[in-house]
Amino acid sequence: MKQAEELLTEAHKVLAERGEHYNDGSERNMVRIVDAFNAVTGHLLTTHEGWMFMVCLKLVRASFDLEFKADHYIDGVNYFALAGEEHSASKVD
Protein backbone atom coordinates (compact mmCIF):
# COMPACT_ATOMS: atom_id res chain seq x y z
CA MET A 1 0.00 0.00 0.00
CA LYS A 2 1.24 3.45 -0.92
CA GLN A 3 0.70 6.17 1.66
CA ALA A 4 -0.37 9.61 0.43
CA GLU A 5 2.88 11.08 1.73
CA GLU A 6 4.87 8.56 -0.33
CA LEU A 7 3.00 9.50 -3.49
CA LEU A 8 3.54 13.21 -2.83
CA THR A 9 7.24 12.68 -2.10
CA GLU A 10 7.64 10.67 -5.30
CA ALA A 11 5.71 13.31 -7.27
CA HIS A 12 8.04 16.03 -5.96
CA LYS A 13 11.07 13.91 -6.84
CA VAL A 14 9.81 13.26 -10.39
CA LEU A 15 9.02 16.94 -10.97
CA ALA A 16 12.48 17.95 -9.74
CA GLU A 17 14.22 15.27 -11.84
CA ARG A 18 12.37 16.32 -14.97
CA GLY A 19 13.26 19.93 -14.22
CA GLU A 20 16.94 18.97 -14.06
CA HIS A 21 16.74 16.71 -17.11
CA TYR A 22 14.97 19.37 -19.17
CA ASN A 23 16.99 22.25 -17.74
CA ASP A 24 15.91 24.45 -20.62
CA GLY A 25 12.45 24.70 -19.06
CA SER A 26 10.84 22.32 -21.53
CA GLU A 27 9.28 20.28 -18.74
CA ARG A 28 6.85 23.17 -18.71
CA ASN A 29 6.32 23.13 -22.46
CA MET A 30 2.54 23.19 -22.32
CA VAL A 31 2.54 26.53 -24.16
CA ARG A 32 4.08 24.82 -27.21
CA ILE A 33 1.78 21.81 -26.89
CA VAL A 34 -1.34 23.99 -26.69
CA ASP A 35 -0.14 26.15 -29.60
CA ALA A 36 0.34 23.04 -31.74
CA PHE A 37 -3.03 21.59 -30.68
CA ASN A 38 -4.80 24.86 -31.43
CA ALA A 39 -3.10 25.15 -34.83
CA VAL A 40 -4.13 21.63 -35.81
CA THR A 41 -7.69 21.72 -34.43
CA GLY A 42 -8.64 25.38 -34.62
CA HIS A 43 -9.55 25.33 -30.92
CA LEU A 44 -8.47 28.00 -28.46
CA LEU A 45 -7.30 25.87 -25.55
CA THR A 46 -5.38 27.81 -22.88
CA THR A 47 -2.20 26.59 -21.22
CA HIS A 48 -4.10 26.11 -17.96
CA GLU A 49 -6.68 24.01 -19.80
CA GLY A 50 -3.85 21.98 -21.34
CA TRP A 51 -2.58 21.04 -17.88
CA MET A 52 -6.13 20.28 -16.74
CA PHE A 53 -6.54 18.04 -19.79
CA MET A 54 -3.50 16.08 -18.62
CA VAL A 55 -5.02 15.78 -15.13
CA CYS A 56 -8.15 14.32 -16.75
CA LEU A 57 -6.05 11.93 -18.81
CA LYS A 58 -4.41 10.55 -15.66
CA LEU A 59 -7.75 10.44 -13.85
CA VAL A 60 -9.31 8.36 -16.62
CA ARG A 61 -6.31 6.03 -16.84
CA ALA A 62 -6.35 5.48 -13.07
CA SER A 63 -10.09 4.84 -13.18
CA PHE A 64 -9.90 2.13 -15.82
CA ASP A 65 -6.65 0.35 -14.91
CA LEU A 66 -7.41 -2.89 -13.13
CA GLU A 67 -4.19 -2.82 -11.17
CA PHE A 68 -2.68 0.06 -9.22
CA LYS A 69 -0.08 2.10 -11.08
CA ALA A 70 1.52 4.81 -9.00
CA ASP A 71 2.51 6.65 -12.18
CA HIS A 72 -1.08 7.78 -12.78
CA TYR A 73 -1.27 9.42 -9.37
CA ILE A 74 2.27 10.80 -9.35
CA ASP A 75 1.87 12.42 -12.76
CA GLY A 76 -1.67 13.54 -11.88
CA VAL A 77 -0.42 15.37 -8.79
CA ASN A 78 2.30 17.07 -10.82
CA TYR A 79 -0.04 18.06 -13.66
CA PHE A 80 -2.49 19.50 -11.15
CA ALA A 81 0.34 21.44 -9.46
CA LEU A 82 1.50 22.76 -12.84
CA ALA A 83 -2.09 23.79 -13.61
CA GLY A 84 -2.15 25.66 -10.31
CA GLU A 85 1.16 27.32 -11.12
CA GLU A 86 -0.18 28.43 -14.50
CA HIS A 87 -3.47 29.64 -13.07
CA SER A 88 -1.80 31.60 -10.27
CA ALA A 89 0.59 33.22 -12.76
CA SER A 90 -2.33 34.40 -14.88
CA LYS A 91 -4.06 35.91 -11.83
CA VAL A 92 -1.29 38.26 -10.72
CA ASP A 93 -2.57 40.95 -8.35
PDB file of N, CA and C in Angstrom:
ATOM      1  N   MET A   1       0.836  -1.187   0.000  1.00  0.00           N
ATOM      2  CA  MET A   1       0.000   0.000   0.000  1.00  0.00           C
ATOM      3  C   MET A   1       0.877   1.245   0.000  1.00  0.00           C
ATOM      4  N   LYS A   2       0.535   2.169  -0.866  1.00  0.00           N
ATOM      5  CA  LYS A   2       1.242   3.452  -0.922  1.00  0.00           C
ATOM      6  C   LYS A   2       0.517   4.455  -0.047  1.00  0.00           C
ATOM      7  N   GLN A   3       1.239   5.097   0.836  1.00  0.00           N
ATOM      8  CA  GLN A   3       0.695   6.168   1.660  1.00  0.00           C
ATOM      9  C   GLN A   3       0.674   7.460   0.838  1.00  0.00           C
ATOM     10  N   ALA A   4      -0.253   8.345   1.152  1.00  0.00           N
ATOM     11  CA  ALA A   4      -0.369   9.612   0.433  1.00  0.00           C
ATOM     12  C   ALA A   4       0.948  10.382   0.453  1.00  0.00           C
ATOM     13  N   GLU A   5       1.609  10.364   1.604  1.00  0.00           N
ATOM     14  CA  GLU A   5       2.881  11.082   1.733  1.00  0.00           C
ATOM     15  C   GLU A   5       3.932  10.514   0.779  1.00  0.00           C
ATOM     16  N   GLU A   6       3.922   9.191   0.600  1.00  0.00           N
ATOM     17  CA  GLU A   6       4.866   8.562  -0.331  1.00  0.00           C
ATOM     18  C   GLU A   6       4.605   9.024  -1.763  1.00  0.00           C
ATOM     19  N   LEU A   7       3.338   9.066  -2.143  1.00  0.00           N
ATOM     20  CA  LEU A   7       3.001   9.504  -3.495  1.00  0.00           C
ATOM     21  C   LEU A   7       3.398  10.958  -3.719  1.00  0.00           C
ATOM     22  N   LEU A   8       3.165  11.802  -2.710  1.00  0.00           N
ATOM     23  CA  LEU A   8       3.544  13.209  -2.833  1.00  0.00           C
ATOM     24  C   LEU A   8       5.056  13.382  -2.890  1.00  0.00           C
ATOM     25  N   THR A   9       5.775  12.621  -2.085  1.00  0.00           N
ATOM     26  CA  THR A   9       7.240  12.678  -2.098  1.00  0.00           C
ATOM     27  C   THR A   9       7.773  12.244  -3.458  1.00  0.00           C
ATOM     28  N   GLU A  10       7.219  11.158  -3.987  1.00  0.00           N
ATOM     29  CA  GLU A  10       7.639  10.671  -5.302  1.00  0.00           C
ATOM     30  C   GLU A  10       7.281  11.682  -6.391  1.00  0.00           C
ATOM     31  N   ALA A  11       6.120  12.296  -6.281  1.00  0.00           N
ATOM     32  CA  ALA A  11       5.715  13.305  -7.265  1.00  0.00           C
ATOM     33  C   ALA A  11       6.687  14.484  -7.261  1.00  0.00           C
ATOM     34  N   HIS A  12       7.075  14.924  -6.077  1.00  0.00           N
ATOM     35  CA  HIS A  12       8.036  16.028  -5.965  1.00  0.00           C
ATOM     36  C   HIS A  12       9.371  15.633  -6.580  1.00  0.00           C
ATOM     37  N   LYS A  13       9.803  14.421  -6.303  1.00  0.00           N
ATOM     38  CA  LYS A  13      11.071  13.913  -6.843  1.00  0.00           C
ATOM     39  C   LYS A  13      11.031  13.865  -8.375  1.00  0.00           C
ATOM     40  N   VAL A  14       9.949  13.356  -8.928  1.00  0.00           N
ATOM     41  CA  VAL A  14       9.807  13.260 -10.386  1.00  0.00           C
ATOM     42  C   VAL A  14       9.803  14.652 -11.019  1.00  0.00           C
ATOM     43  N   LEU A  15       9.073  15.577 -10.434  1.00  0.00           N
ATOM     44  CA  LEU A  15       9.018  16.938 -10.968  1.00  0.00           C
ATOM     45  C   LEU A  15      10.409  17.583 -10.945  1.00  0.00           C
ATOM     46  N   ALA A  16      11.131  17.392  -9.854  1.00  0.00           N
ATOM     47  CA  ALA A  16      12.483  17.954  -9.742  1.00  0.00           C
ATOM     48  C   ALA A  16      13.438  17.303 -10.745  1.00  0.00           C
ATOM     49  N   GLU A  17      13.348  15.974 -10.888  1.00  0.00           N
ATOM     50  CA  GLU A  17      14.220  15.269 -11.838  1.00  0.00           C
ATOM     51  C   GLU A  17      13.958  15.727 -13.267  1.00  0.00           C
ATOM     52  N   ARG A  18      12.694  15.873 -13.611  1.00  0.00           N
ATOM     53  CA  ARG A  18      12.368  16.322 -14.970  1.00  0.00           C
ATOM     54  C   ARG A  18      12.831  17.756 -15.180  1.00  0.00           C
ATOM     55  N   GLY A  19      12.756  18.561 -14.127  1.00  0.00           N
ATOM     56  CA  GLY A  19      13.260  19.931 -14.220  1.00  0.00           C
ATOM     57  C   GLY A  19      14.755  19.971 -14.474  1.00  0.00           C
ATOM     58  N   GLU A  20      15.499  19.058 -13.840  1.00  0.00           N
ATOM     59  CA  GLU A  20      16.943  18.975 -14.062  1.00  0.00           C
ATOM     60  C   GLU A  20      17.246  18.396 -15.438  1.00  0.00           C
ATOM     61  N   HIS A  21      16.507  17.364 -15.820  1.00  0.00           N
ATOM     62  CA  HIS A  21      16.743  16.714 -17.114  1.00  0.00           C
ATOM     63  C   HIS A  21      16.447  17.666 -18.266  1.00  0.00           C
ATOM     64  N   TYR A  22      15.358  18.401 -18.144  1.00  0.00           N
ATOM     65  CA  TYR A  22      14.970  19.366 -19.167  1.00  0.00           C
ATOM     66  C   TYR A  22      15.293  20.760 -18.647  1.00  0.00           C
ATOM     67  N   ASN A  23      16.590  21.012 -18.401  1.00  0.00           N
ATOM     68  CA  ASN A  23      16.989  22.254 -17.740  1.00  0.00           C
ATOM     69  C   ASN A  23      16.751  23.496 -18.594  1.00  0.00           C
ATOM     70  N   ASP A  24      16.251  23.300 -19.792  1.00  0.00           N
ATOM     71  CA  ASP A  24      15.908  24.452 -20.624  1.00  0.00           C
ATOM     72  C   ASP A  24      14.479  24.921 -20.376  1.00  0.00           C
ATOM     73  N   GLY A  25      13.808  24.314 -19.385  1.00  0.00           N
ATOM     74  CA  GLY A  25      12.452  24.698 -19.055  1.00  0.00           C
ATOM     75  C   GLY A  25      11.399  23.942 -19.839  1.00  0.00           C
ATOM     76  N   SER A  26      11.821  22.992 -20.666  1.00  0.00           N
ATOM     77  CA  SER A  26      10.844  22.323 -21.530  1.00  0.00           C
ATOM     78  C   SER A  26       9.948  21.342 -20.792  1.00  0.00           C
ATOM     79  N   GLU A  27      10.241  21.079 -19.500  1.00  0.00           N
ATOM     80  CA  GLU A  27       9.276  20.278 -18.744  1.00  0.00           C
ATOM     81  C   GLU A  27       7.982  21.047 -18.547  1.00  0.00           C
ATOM     82  N   ARG A  28       8.043  22.321 -18.768  1.00  0.00           N
ATOM     83  CA  ARG A  28       6.851  23.169 -18.709  1.00  0.00           C
ATOM     84  C   ARG A  28       6.542  23.683 -20.124  1.00  0.00           C
ATOM     85  N   ASN A  29       6.504  22.756 -21.061  1.00  0.00           N
ATOM     86  CA  ASN A  29       6.321  23.127 -22.459  1.00  0.00           C
ATOM     87  C   ASN A  29       4.859  23.096 -22.901  1.00  0.00           C
ATOM     88  N   MET A  30       3.948  23.238 -21.975  1.00  0.00           N
ATOM     89  CA  MET A  30       2.538  23.188 -22.317  1.00  0.00           C
ATOM     90  C   MET A  30       2.155  24.301 -23.288  1.00  0.00           C
ATOM     91  N   VAL A  31       2.827  25.434 -23.230  1.00  0.00           N
ATOM     92  CA  VAL A  31       2.537  26.528 -24.161  1.00  0.00           C
ATOM     93  C   VAL A  31       2.715  26.029 -25.591  1.00  0.00           C
ATOM     94  N   ARG A  32       3.821  25.337 -25.860  1.00  0.00           N
ATOM     95  CA  ARG A  32       4.077  24.820 -27.205  1.00  0.00           C
ATOM     96  C   ARG A  32       3.080  23.735 -27.592  1.00  0.00           C
ATOM     97  N   ILE A  33       2.745  22.883 -26.629  1.00  0.00           N
ATOM     98  CA  ILE A  33       1.781  21.807 -26.890  1.00  0.00           C
ATOM     99  C   ILE A  33       0.422  22.392 -27.248  1.00  0.00           C
ATOM    100  N   VAL A  34      -0.038  23.359 -26.454  1.00  0.00           N
ATOM    101  CA  VAL A  34      -1.337  23.988 -26.692  1.00  0.00           C
ATOM    102  C   VAL A  34      -1.321  24.745 -28.016  1.00  0.00           C
ATOM    103  N   ASP A  35      -0.234  25.432 -28.319  1.00  0.00           N
ATOM    104  CA  ASP A  35      -0.141  26.151 -29.596  1.00  0.00           C
ATOM    105  C   ASP A  35      -0.267  25.175 -30.769  1.00  0.00           C
ATOM    106  N   ALA A  36       0.416  24.039 -30.680  1.00  0.00           N
ATOM    107  CA  ALA A  36       0.337  23.036 -31.744  1.00  0.00           C
ATOM    108  C   ALA A  36      -1.076  22.459 -31.851  1.00  0.00           C
ATOM    109  N   PHE A  37      -1.667  22.125 -30.698  1.00  0.00           N
ATOM    110  CA  PHE A  37      -3.029  21.587 -30.676  1.00  0.00           C
ATOM    111  C   PHE A  37      -4.002  22.571 -31.305  1.00  0.00           C
ATOM    112  N   ASN A  38      -3.901  23.832 -30.907  1.00  0.00           N
ATOM    113  CA  ASN A  38      -4.798  24.857 -31.432  1.00  0.00           C
ATOM    114  C   ASN A  38      -4.608  25.051 -32.937  1.00  0.00           C
ATOM    115  N   ALA A  39      -3.371  24.994 -33.405  1.00  0.00           N
ATOM    116  CA  ALA A  39      -3.100  25.148 -34.835  1.00  0.00           C
ATOM    117  C   ALA A  39      -3.706  24.007 -35.638  1.00  0.00           C
ATOM    118  N   VAL A  40      -3.621  22.803 -35.109  1.00  0.00           N
ATOM    119  CA  VAL A  40      -4.126  21.627 -35.812  1.00  0.00           C
ATOM    120  C   VAL A  40      -5.652  21.566 -35.774  1.00  0.00           C
ATOM    121  N   THR A  41      -6.246  21.905 -34.615  1.00  0.00           N
ATOM    122  CA  THR A  41      -7.690  21.715 -34.431  1.00  0.00           C
ATOM    123  C   THR A  41      -8.517  22.968 -34.640  1.00  0.00           C
ATOM    124  N   GLY A  42      -7.895  24.136 -34.551  1.00  0.00           N
ATOM    125  CA  GLY A  42      -8.643  25.379 -34.623  1.00  0.00           C
ATOM    126  C   GLY A  42      -9.280  25.773 -33.299  1.00  0.00           C
ATOM    127  N   HIS A  43      -9.026  25.005 -32.247  1.00  0.00           N
ATOM    128  CA  HIS A  43      -9.549  25.333 -30.925  1.00  0.00           C
ATOM    129  C   HIS A  43      -8.716  26.444 -30.294  1.00  0.00           C
ATOM    130  N   LEU A  44      -9.195  26.956 -29.187  1.00  0.00           N
ATOM    131  CA  LEU A  44      -8.473  27.999 -28.463  1.00  0.00           C
ATOM    132  C   LEU A  44      -8.224  27.567 -27.022  1.00  0.00           C
ATOM    133  N   LEU A  45      -7.627  26.399 -26.866  1.00  0.00           N
ATOM    134  CA  LEU A  45      -7.296  25.872 -25.548  1.00  0.00           C
ATOM    135  C   LEU A  45      -6.244  26.765 -24.904  1.00  0.00           C
ATOM    136  N   THR A  46      -6.394  27.032 -23.604  1.00  0.00           N
ATOM    137  CA  THR A  46      -5.380  27.807 -22.879  1.00  0.00           C
ATOM    138  C   THR A  46      -4.341  26.853 -22.295  1.00  0.00           C
ATOM    139  N   THR A  47      -3.241  27.404 -21.854  1.00  0.00           N
ATOM    140  CA  THR A  47      -2.202  26.589 -21.222  1.00  0.00           C
ATOM    141  C   THR A  47      -2.742  25.935 -19.956  1.00  0.00           C
ATOM    142  N   HIS A  48      -3.489  26.674 -19.167  1.00  0.00           N
ATOM    143  CA  HIS A  48      -4.100  26.106 -17.959  1.00  0.00           C
ATOM    144  C   HIS A  48      -5.003  24.934 -18.326  1.00  0.00           C
ATOM    145  N   GLU A  49      -5.811  25.101 -19.360  1.00  0.00           N
ATOM    146  CA  GLU A  49      -6.683  24.011 -19.804  1.00  0.00           C
ATOM    147  C   GLU A  49      -5.883  22.815 -20.310  1.00  0.00           C
ATOM    148  N   GLY A  50      -4.723  23.069 -20.899  1.00  0.00           N
ATOM    149  CA  GLY A  50      -3.851  21.980 -21.336  1.00  0.00           C
ATOM    150  C   GLY A  50      -3.400  21.127 -20.163  1.00  0.00           C
ATOM    151  N   TRP A  51      -2.979  21.788 -19.079  1.00  0.00           N
ATOM    152  CA  TRP A  51      -2.580  21.042 -17.876  1.00  0.00           C
ATOM    153  C   TRP A  51      -3.773  20.299 -17.286  1.00  0.00           C
ATOM    154  N   MET A  52      -4.931  20.940 -17.271  1.00  0.00           N
ATOM    155  CA  MET A  52      -6.126  20.284 -16.739  1.00  0.00           C
ATOM    156  C   MET A  52      -6.521  19.086 -17.598  1.00  0.00           C
ATOM    157  N   PHE A  53      -6.299  19.172 -18.898  1.00  0.00           N
ATOM    158  CA  PHE A  53      -6.538  18.043 -19.791  1.00  0.00           C
ATOM    159  C   PHE A  53      -5.667  16.858 -19.368  1.00  0.00           C
ATOM    160  N   MET A  54      -4.414  17.147 -19.039  1.00  0.00           N
ATOM    161  CA  MET A  54      -3.503  16.077 -18.618  1.00  0.00           C
ATOM    162  C   MET A  54      -3.935  15.475 -17.285  1.00  0.00           C
ATOM    163  N   VAL A  55      -4.468  16.298 -16.385  1.00  0.00           N
ATOM    164  CA  VAL A  55      -5.024  15.784 -15.126  1.00  0.00           C
ATOM    165  C   VAL A  55      -6.156  14.809 -15.446  1.00  0.00           C
ATOM    166  N   CYS A  56      -7.030  15.195 -16.366  1.00  0.00           N
ATOM    167  CA  CYS A  56      -8.152  14.321 -16.751  1.00  0.00           C
ATOM    168  C   CYS A  56      -7.652  13.028 -17.382  1.00  0.00           C
ATOM    169  N   LEU A  57      -6.618  13.115 -18.194  1.00  0.00           N
ATOM    170  CA  LEU A  57      -6.046  11.927 -18.809  1.00  0.00           C
ATOM    171  C   LEU A  57      -5.600  10.933 -17.733  1.00  0.00           C
ATOM    172  N   LYS A  58      -4.892  11.422 -16.733  1.00  0.00           N
ATOM    173  CA  LYS A  58      -4.415  10.551 -15.661  1.00  0.00           C
ATOM    174  C   LYS A  58      -5.567  10.033 -14.809  1.00  0.00           C
ATOM    175  N   LEU A  59      -6.573  10.854 -14.603  1.00  0.00           N
ATOM    176  CA  LEU A  59      -7.754  10.436 -13.848  1.00  0.00           C
ATOM    177  C   LEU A  59      -8.460   9.284 -14.559  1.00  0.00           C
ATOM    178  N   VAL A  60      -8.645   9.418 -15.854  1.00  0.00           N
ATOM    179  CA  VAL A  60      -9.307   8.357 -16.619  1.00  0.00           C
ATOM    180  C   VAL A  60      -8.461   7.091 -16.622  1.00  0.00           C
ATOM    181  N   ARG A  61      -7.172   7.213 -16.838  1.00  0.00           N
ATOM    182  CA  ARG A  61      -6.311   6.027 -16.839  1.00  0.00           C
ATOM    183  C   ARG A  61      -6.358   5.318 -15.490  1.00  0.00           C
ATOM    184  N   ALA A  62      -6.304   6.081 -14.411  1.00  0.00           N
ATOM    185  CA  ALA A  62      -6.353   5.479 -13.070  1.00  0.00           C
ATOM    186  C   ALA A  62      -7.697   4.809 -12.822  1.00  0.00           C
ATOM    187  N   SER A  63      -8.752   5.379 -13.386  1.00  0.00           N
ATOM    188  CA  SER A  63     -10.094   4.837 -13.180  1.00  0.00           C
ATOM    189  C   SER A  63     -10.313   3.511 -13.891  1.00  0.00           C
ATOM    190  N   PHE A  64      -9.637   3.308 -15.012  1.00  0.00           N
ATOM    191  CA  PHE A  64      -9.895   2.130 -15.816  1.00  0.00           C
ATOM    192  C   PHE A  64      -8.806   1.062 -15.729  1.00  0.00           C
ATOM    193  N   ASP A  65      -7.685   1.376 -15.091  1.00  0.00           N
ATOM    194  CA  ASP A  65      -6.647   0.354 -14.909  1.00  0.00           C
ATOM    195  C   ASP A  65      -7.076  -0.614 -13.826  1.00  0.00           C
ATOM    196  N   LEU A  66      -6.989  -1.886 -14.105  1.00  0.00           N
ATOM    197  CA  LEU A  66      -7.408  -2.887 -13.132  1.00  0.00           C
ATOM    198  C   LEU A  66      -6.419  -3.038 -11.987  1.00  0.00           C
ATOM    199  N   GLU A  67      -5.169  -2.750 -12.256  1.00  0.00           N
ATOM    200  CA  GLU A  67      -4.188  -2.824 -11.170  1.00  0.00           C
ATOM    201  C   GLU A  67      -3.618  -1.433 -10.889  1.00  0.00           C
ATOM    202  N   PHE A  68      -3.217  -1.231  -9.663  1.00  0.00           N
ATOM    203  CA  PHE A  68      -2.682   0.057  -9.216  1.00  0.00           C
ATOM    204  C   PHE A  68      -1.395   0.383  -9.954  1.00  0.00           C
ATOM    205  N   LYS A  69      -1.315   1.586 -10.472  1.00  0.00           N
ATOM    206  CA  LYS A  69      -0.083   2.101 -11.082  1.00  0.00           C
ATOM    207  C   LYS A  69       0.174   3.469 -10.485  1.00  0.00           C
ATOM    208  N   ALA A  70       1.197   3.561  -9.685  1.00  0.00           N
ATOM    209  CA  ALA A  70       1.523   4.814  -9.001  1.00  0.00           C
ATOM    210  C   ALA A  70       1.728   5.957  -9.984  1.00  0.00           C
ATOM    211  N   ASP A  71       2.225   5.646 -11.168  1.00  0.00           N
ATOM    212  CA  ASP A  71       2.506   6.655 -12.184  1.00  0.00           C
ATOM    213  C   ASP A  71       1.294   7.554 -12.460  1.00  0.00           C
ATOM    214  N   HIS A  72       0.114   6.973 -12.505  1.00  0.00           N
ATOM    215  CA  HIS A  72      -1.082   7.779 -12.779  1.00  0.00           C
ATOM    216  C   HIS A  72      -1.267   8.858 -11.714  1.00  0.00           C
ATOM    217  N   TYR A  73      -1.057   8.497 -10.481  1.00  0.00           N
ATOM    218  CA  TYR A  73      -1.271   9.419  -9.365  1.00  0.00           C
ATOM    219  C   TYR A  73      -0.123  10.407  -9.235  1.00  0.00           C
ATOM    220  N   ILE A  74       1.087   9.931  -9.438  1.00  0.00           N
ATOM    221  CA  ILE A  74       2.265  10.802  -9.352  1.00  0.00           C
ATOM    222  C   ILE A  74       2.209  11.865 -10.435  1.00  0.00           C
ATOM    223  N   ASP A  75       1.977  11.444 -11.673  1.00  0.00           N
ATOM    224  CA  ASP A  75       1.873  12.424 -12.760  1.00  0.00           C
ATOM    225  C   ASP A  75       0.658  13.316 -12.579  1.00  0.00           C
ATOM    226  N   GLY A  76      -0.458  12.749 -12.106  1.00  0.00           N
ATOM    227  CA  GLY A  76      -1.667  13.542 -11.884  1.00  0.00           C
ATOM    228  C   GLY A  76      -1.439  14.661 -10.888  1.00  0.00           C
ATOM    229  N   VAL A  77      -0.750  14.349  -9.793  1.00  0.00           N
ATOM    230  CA  VAL A  77      -0.415  15.368  -8.792  1.00  0.00           C
ATOM    231  C   VAL A  77       0.425  16.477  -9.427  1.00  0.00           C
ATOM    232  N   ASN A  78       1.420  16.073 -10.209  1.00  0.00           N
ATOM    233  CA  ASN A  78       2.298  17.067 -10.822  1.00  0.00           C
ATOM    234  C   ASN A  78       1.557  17.907 -11.863  1.00  0.00           C
ATOM    235  N   TYR A  79       0.722  17.290 -12.677  1.00  0.00           N
ATOM    236  CA  TYR A  79      -0.036  18.058 -13.661  1.00  0.00           C
ATOM    237  C   TYR A  79      -0.973  19.046 -12.968  1.00  0.00           C
ATOM    238  N   PHE A  80      -1.591  18.611 -11.878  1.00  0.00           N
ATOM    239  CA  PHE A  80      -2.487  19.502 -11.152  1.00  0.00           C
ATOM    240  C   PHE A  80      -1.703  20.658 -10.535  1.00  0.00           C
ATOM    241  N   ALA A  81      -0.511  20.379 -10.015  1.00  0.00           N
ATOM    242  CA  ALA A  81       0.337  21.439  -9.464  1.00  0.00           C
ATOM    243  C   ALA A  81       0.762  22.416 -10.559  1.00  0.00           C
ATOM    244  N   LEU A  82       1.113  21.888 -11.732  1.00  0.00           N
ATOM    245  CA  LEU A  82       1.498  22.759 -12.844  1.00  0.00           C
ATOM    246  C   LEU A  82       0.307  23.588 -13.326  1.00  0.00           C
ATOM    247  N   ALA A  83      -0.888  23.017 -13.280  1.00  0.00           N
ATOM    248  CA  ALA A  83      -2.094  23.785 -13.610  1.00  0.00           C
ATOM    249  C   ALA A  83      -2.277  24.920 -12.613  1.00  0.00           C
ATOM    250  N   GLY A  84      -2.050  24.629 -11.338  1.00  0.00           N
ATOM    251  CA  GLY A  84      -2.149  25.665 -10.306  1.00  0.00           C
ATOM    252  C   GLY A  84      -1.112  26.751 -10.501  1.00  0.00           C
ATOM    253  N   GLU A  85       0.102  26.361 -10.851  1.00  0.00           N
ATOM    254  CA  GLU A  85       1.159  27.324 -11.121  1.00  0.00           C
ATOM    255  C   GLU A  85       0.751  28.248 -12.275  1.00  0.00           C
ATOM    256  N   GLU A  86       0.260  27.641 -13.330  1.00  0.00           N
ATOM    257  CA  GLU A  86      -0.179  28.428 -14.498  1.00  0.00           C
ATOM    258  C   GLU A  86      -1.324  29.359 -14.159  1.00  0.00           C
ATOM    259  N   HIS A  87      -2.305  28.838 -13.434  1.00  0.00           N
ATOM    260  CA  HIS A  87      -3.472  29.643 -13.071  1.00  0.00           C
ATOM    261  C   HIS A  87      -3.065  30.806 -12.166  1.00  0.00           C
ATOM    262  N   SER A  88      -2.213  30.522 -11.185  1.00  0.00           N
ATOM    263  CA  SER A  88      -1.801  31.604 -10.273  1.00  0.00           C
ATOM    264  C   SER A  88      -0.984  32.650 -11.001  1.00  0.00           C
ATOM    265  N   ALA A  89      -0.204  32.252 -11.997  1.00  0.00           N
ATOM    266  CA  ALA A  89       0.591  33.219 -12.761  1.00  0.00           C
ATOM    267  C   ALA A  89      -0.289  34.124 -13.603  1.00  0.00           C
ATOM    268  N   SER A  90      -1.438  33.596 -14.039  1.00  0.00           N
ATOM    269  CA  SER A  90      -2.332  34.398 -14.879  1.00  0.00           C
ATOM    270  C   SER A  90      -3.232  35.305 -14.049  1.00  0.00           C
ATOM    271  N   LYS A  91      -3.213  35.126 -12.730  1.00  0.00           N
ATOM    272  CA  LYS A  91      -4.064  35.907 -11.834  1.00  0.00           C
ATOM    273  C   LYS A  91      -3.231  36.818 -10.935  1.00  0.00           C
ATOM    274  N   VAL A  92      -2.189  37.408 -11.488  1.00  0.00           N
ATOM    275  CA  VAL A  92      -1.288  38.264 -10.720  1.00  0.00           C
ATOM    276  C   VAL A  92      -2.054  39.484 -10.230  1.00  0.00           C
ATOM    277  N   ASP A  93      -1.869  39.793  -8.946  1.00  0.00           N
ATOM    278  CA  ASP A  93      -2.567  40.950  -8.348  1.00  0.00           C
ATOM    279  C   ASP A  93      -2.002  42.254  -8.818  1.00  0.00           C
TER     280      ASP A  93
END
